[in-house]
Amino acid sequence: MVVKLAAEQHRPSRQDGEQSRERLLRAGLALFAQQGFAKTSTREIAESAQTNIAAISYYFGDKAGLYRAVFFESQGSPEDDVARYTDPDLTLEQALRSLYASFLEPLKHGDMARQCMKLHAREMIEPTGLWEEEISTGIRPMHDALVSVLCRHFGITTLDTDVQRLAVCIAGLGVHMHVGREVTDVIAPTLNNQADSLDLWADRLVMYAMAMVLAEDQRRRTHSQPGATQDDV
């Protein structure tokens, strides 16, 4: 009994375990983003996380399991993001603001957002199979949800290519906040270095997106008028 109690006394608490797992995720994110999956060893990750290699097996199974957790857990839940802007009671402006919040909120975490972007870029260049899954389980549902919001706004039930095109352009504004962040910081550093920069970006992105929707709405109205020609579109 004394031996058992002594062992329990030194057993890591649940909180210690959660902290170890979190350290492994953060270390894995930094190293995978910098070096890629193949060139990153479990020993490097364990040393960076200040834990032992066995912890990787315990929490994630193996390096591939850790990589998968880093890739998907670091970006949140697509279902939660979609639910934020698909409520039919939201106005279009409210829906767009919620959409862009899903792009902008991760940027509040600074280096972590940059590492996630680098990790996704590496996965596209050095694929392990997760990028295809990301498209099917994350990107496509978000695109389809935005298309549904736009169809509801235009009052149409039959999807057409112009709604798809508009959805890509609207989402592209948010994507560029991540993909082009390092370039923007060089060519226009004042856009991102203020305390309220992201709040201002949120306002402007919604405004620009609403302008695109208005332009498409006007194009559709012109195109639907009797006697309209292709030159009018």
Protein backbone atom coordinates (compact mmCIF):
# COMPACT_ATOMS: atom_id res chain seq x y z
CA MET A 1 0.00 0.00 0.00
CA VAL A 2 2.83 2.39 0.85
CA VAL A 3 4.48 1.70 -2.52
CA LYS A 4 1.23 2.27 -4.35
CA LEU A 5 0.62 5.58 -2.59
CA ALA A 6 4.14 6.70 -3.34
CA ALA A 7 3.64 5.89 -7.01
CA GLU A 8 0.36 7.78 -7.09
CA GLN A 9 2.01 10.72 -5.42
CA HIS A 10 4.47 11.04 -8.32
CA ARG A 11 1.96 10.24 -11.05
CA PRO A 12 1.46 13.23 -13.39
CA SER A 13 -1.82 15.00 -12.79
CA ARG A 14 -4.39 15.41 -15.52
CA GLN A 15 -3.40 19.05 -15.80
CA ASP A 16 0.25 18.06 -16.26
CA GLY A 17 -0.80 15.70 -19.04
CA GLU A 18 -2.82 18.38 -20.80
CA GLN A 19 0.13 20.76 -20.56
CA SER A 20 2.49 18.13 -21.99
CA ARG A 21 0.14 17.48 -24.89
CA GLU A 22 -0.19 21.20 -25.56
CA ARG A 23 3.59 21.65 -25.52
CA LEU A 24 3.95 18.83 -28.04
CA LEU A 25 1.35 20.43 -30.30
CA ARG A 26 3.10 23.79 -30.19
CA ALA A 27 6.55 22.31 -30.69
CA GLY A 28 5.24 20.15 -33.52
CA LEU A 29 3.61 23.12 -35.21
CA ALA A 30 6.79 25.20 -35.11
CA LEU A 31 9.04 22.39 -36.38
CA PHE A 32 6.69 20.92 -38.98
CA ALA A 33 6.06 24.42 -40.36
CA GLN A 34 9.76 25.17 -40.54
CA GLN A 35 11.10 21.82 -41.73
CA GLY A 36 8.21 19.77 -43.03
CA PHE A 37 6.98 16.37 -41.91
CA ALA A 38 9.78 14.20 -43.33
CA LYS A 39 12.68 16.28 -41.98
CA THR A 40 11.32 16.64 -38.46
CA SER A 41 12.15 13.92 -35.96
CA THR A 42 10.19 12.93 -32.90
CA ARG A 43 13.33 13.49 -30.84
CA GLU A 44 13.48 17.12 -31.96
CA ILE A 45 9.84 17.63 -31.09
CA ALA A 46 10.18 16.00 -27.68
CA GLU A 47 13.26 18.06 -26.83
CA SER A 48 11.58 21.27 -27.93
CA ALA A 49 8.49 20.41 -25.87
CA GLN A 50 10.68 19.45 -22.89
CA THR A 51 9.14 16.02 -22.62
CA ASN A 52 10.12 12.48 -23.59
CA ILE A 53 9.53 10.70 -26.89
CA ALA A 54 7.18 8.23 -25.22
CA ALA A 55 4.73 11.09 -24.64
CA ILE A 56 4.24 11.38 -28.41
CA SER A 57 3.19 7.74 -28.58
CA TYR A 58 0.98 8.13 -25.54
CA TYR A 59 -0.96 11.16 -26.77
CA PHE A 60 -0.82 10.78 -30.56
CA GLY A 61 0.23 7.22 -31.43
CA ASP A 62 3.18 8.23 -33.62
CA LYS A 63 4.65 11.15 -35.54
CA ALA A 64 1.94 10.95 -38.18
CA GLY A 65 -0.71 11.17 -35.47
CA LEU A 66 0.96 14.21 -33.97
CA TYR A 67 1.23 15.83 -37.40
CA ARG A 68 -2.47 15.22 -38.03
CA ALA A 69 -3.39 16.74 -34.66
CA VAL A 70 -1.18 19.76 -35.31
CA PHE A 71 -2.64 20.25 -38.78
CA PHE A 72 -6.30 20.08 -37.82
CA GLU A 73 -6.50 21.10 -34.15
CA SER A 74 -4.60 24.33 -34.69
CA GLN A 75 -7.32 25.72 -37.00
CA GLY A 76 -10.44 25.06 -34.98
CA SER A 77 -13.63 23.36 -36.08
CA PRO A 78 -14.99 23.99 -39.62
CA GLU A 79 -18.46 23.11 -38.34
CA ASP A 80 -18.26 25.88 -35.74
CA ASP A 81 -17.01 28.38 -38.33
CA VAL A 82 -19.82 27.51 -40.75
CA ALA A 83 -22.45 27.76 -38.02
CA ARG A 84 -21.37 31.32 -37.29
CA TYR A 85 -22.55 32.73 -40.61
CA THR A 86 -25.29 30.41 -41.86
CA ASP A 87 -28.04 31.36 -39.41
CA PRO A 88 -30.96 32.38 -41.67
CA ASP A 89 -31.88 35.13 -39.20
CA LEU A 90 -28.62 36.97 -39.92
CA THR A 91 -28.56 39.80 -42.42
CA LEU A 92 -26.03 39.43 -45.22
CA GLU A 93 -23.78 42.01 -43.57
CA GLN A 94 -23.93 40.14 -40.26
CA ALA A 95 -23.17 36.84 -41.99
CA LEU A 96 -20.15 38.33 -43.75
CA ARG A 97 -18.85 39.80 -40.51
CA SER A 98 -19.08 36.38 -38.88
CA LEU A 99 -17.37 34.80 -41.89
CA TYR A 100 -14.43 37.18 -41.69
CA ALA A 101 -14.19 36.72 -37.93
CA SER A 102 -13.22 33.10 -38.60
CA PHE A 103 -10.32 34.40 -40.72
CA LEU A 104 -9.24 37.26 -38.48
CA GLU A 105 -9.46 35.80 -34.97
CA PRO A 106 -6.54 33.35 -35.51
CA LEU A 107 -4.35 36.32 -36.48
CA LYS A 108 -4.64 37.58 -32.90
CA HIS A 109 -2.34 34.70 -31.94
CA GLY A 110 0.57 36.20 -33.87
CA ASP A 111 3.33 33.72 -34.70
CA MET A 112 0.98 30.79 -34.32
CA ALA A 113 -1.13 31.98 -37.26
CA ARG A 114 2.00 32.39 -39.40
CA GLN A 115 3.17 28.90 -38.50
CA CYS A 116 -0.22 27.44 -39.42
CA MET A 117 -0.03 29.18 -42.80
CA LYS A 118 3.47 27.84 -43.42
CA LEU A 119 2.36 24.36 -42.39
CA HIS A 120 -0.52 24.42 -44.88
CA ALA A 121 1.80 25.70 -47.60
CA ARG A 122 4.25 22.88 -46.90
CA GLU A 123 1.46 20.32 -46.99
CA MET A 124 0.54 21.51 -50.48
CA ILE A 125 4.16 21.30 -51.66
CA GLU A 126 5.09 18.14 -49.73
CA PRO A 127 1.72 16.35 -49.44
CA THR A 128 1.08 13.68 -46.85
CA GLY A 129 -2.58 13.28 -47.83
CA LEU A 130 -4.03 15.74 -45.33
CA TRP A 131 -4.54 18.56 -47.83
CA GLU A 132 -7.17 16.62 -49.75
CA GLU A 133 -8.93 15.94 -46.47
CA GLU A 134 -8.73 19.61 -45.55
CA ILE A 135 -10.45 20.53 -48.80
CA SER A 136 -13.25 17.99 -48.37
CA THR A 137 -13.89 18.50 -44.65
CA GLY A 138 -12.99 22.16 -44.20
CA ILE A 139 -12.72 24.33 -47.30
CA ARG A 140 -15.56 22.83 -49.35
CA PRO A 141 -18.17 23.00 -46.53
CA MET A 142 -17.26 26.62 -45.85
CA HIS A 143 -17.51 27.47 -49.55
CA ASP A 144 -20.83 25.66 -49.93
CA ALA A 145 -22.20 27.45 -46.87
CA LEU A 146 -21.19 30.85 -48.23
CA VAL A 147 -22.77 30.00 -51.58
CA SER A 148 -26.00 29.14 -49.75
CA VAL A 149 -25.94 32.49 -47.95
CA LEU A 150 -25.49 34.31 -51.27
CA CYS A 151 -28.22 32.30 -52.99
CA ARG A 152 -30.60 33.22 -50.18
CA HIS A 153 -29.65 36.88 -50.57
CA PHE A 154 -30.25 36.84 -54.34
CA GLY A 155 -33.44 34.83 -53.91
CA ILE A 156 -32.34 32.02 -56.20
CA THR A 157 -32.64 28.27 -55.79
CA THR A 158 -30.58 27.17 -58.77
CA LEU A 159 -26.84 27.54 -58.29
CA ASP A 160 -24.91 29.20 -61.11
CA THR A 161 -21.23 29.81 -61.79
CA ASP A 162 -21.42 33.53 -60.98
CA VAL A 163 -22.50 32.83 -57.41
CA GLN A 164 -19.62 30.36 -57.12
CA ARG A 165 -17.27 33.00 -58.53
CA LEU A 166 -18.53 35.64 -56.10
CA ALA A 167 -18.11 33.27 -53.15
CA VAL A 168 -14.50 32.58 -54.14
CA CYS A 169 -13.78 36.32 -54.37
CA ILE A 170 -15.39 37.09 -51.00
CA ALA A 171 -13.53 34.28 -49.25
CA GLY A 172 -10.34 35.31 -51.05
CA LEU A 173 -10.25 38.57 -49.08
CA GLY A 174 -10.05 36.57 -45.87
CA VAL A 175 -7.58 34.03 -47.24
CA HIS A 176 -5.23 36.83 -48.33
CA MET A 177 -5.09 38.09 -44.75
CA HIS A 178 -3.14 34.91 -44.02
CA VAL A 179 -1.36 34.14 -47.29
CA GLY A 180 -0.25 37.71 -47.91
CA ARG A 181 0.41 38.78 -44.32
CA GLU A 182 4.21 38.77 -44.51
CA VAL A 183 4.16 40.66 -47.82
CA THR A 184 1.69 43.22 -46.46
CA ASP A 185 3.88 43.75 -43.40
CA VAL A 186 6.72 44.75 -45.74
CA ILE A 187 4.92 46.87 -48.35
CA ALA A 188 2.35 48.49 -46.02
CA PRO A 189 3.44 47.85 -42.40
CA THR A 190 1.03 50.38 -40.89
CA LEU A 191 -1.95 48.21 -41.90
CA ASN A 192 -1.25 45.58 -39.28
CA ASN A 193 0.79 47.19 -36.51
CA GLN A 194 -1.92 49.00 -34.55
CA ALA A 195 -3.86 47.64 -31.59
CA ASP A 196 -7.15 47.97 -33.46
CA SER A 197 -5.84 46.86 -36.87
CA LEU A 198 -7.84 43.64 -36.99
CA ASP A 199 -11.05 45.38 -35.95
CA LEU A 200 -10.56 47.90 -38.74
CA TRP A 201 -9.82 45.10 -41.19
CA ALA A 202 -13.08 43.43 -40.18
CA ASP A 203 -15.04 46.58 -41.00
CA ARG A 204 -13.31 47.07 -44.34
CA LEU A 205 -13.56 43.46 -45.45
CA VAL A 206 -17.30 43.48 -44.83
CA MET A 207 -17.61 46.77 -46.72
CA TYR A 208 -15.60 45.47 -49.70
CA ALA A 209 -17.53 42.21 -49.77
CA MET A 210 -20.86 44.04 -49.66
CA ALA A 211 -19.68 46.15 -52.60
CA MET A 212 -18.94 42.98 -54.58
CA VAL A 213 -22.38 41.60 -53.76
CA LEU A 214 -23.98 44.88 -54.84
CA ALA A 215 -22.05 44.83 -58.13
CA GLU A 216 -23.18 41.26 -58.81
CA ASP A 217 -26.74 42.15 -57.88
CA GLN A 218 -26.70 45.04 -60.36
CA ARG A 219 -25.19 42.83 -63.06
CA ARG A 220 -27.95 40.28 -62.56
CA ARG A 221 -30.67 42.93 -62.73
CA THR A 222 -29.22 44.37 -65.93
CA HIS A 223 -28.84 40.94 -67.47
CA SER A 224 -32.44 40.04 -66.65
CA GLN A 225 -33.91 43.11 -68.36
CA PRO A 226 -35.67 42.58 -71.71
CA GLY A 227 -33.42 43.30 -74.64
CA ALA A 228 -30.19 43.04 -72.62
CA THR A 229 -27.21 41.91 -74.70
CA GLN A 230 -23.98 40.19 -73.71
CA ASP A 231 -22.27 43.61 -73.84
CA ASP A 232 -24.57 44.78 -71.05
CA VAL A 233 -23.40 42.00 -68.67
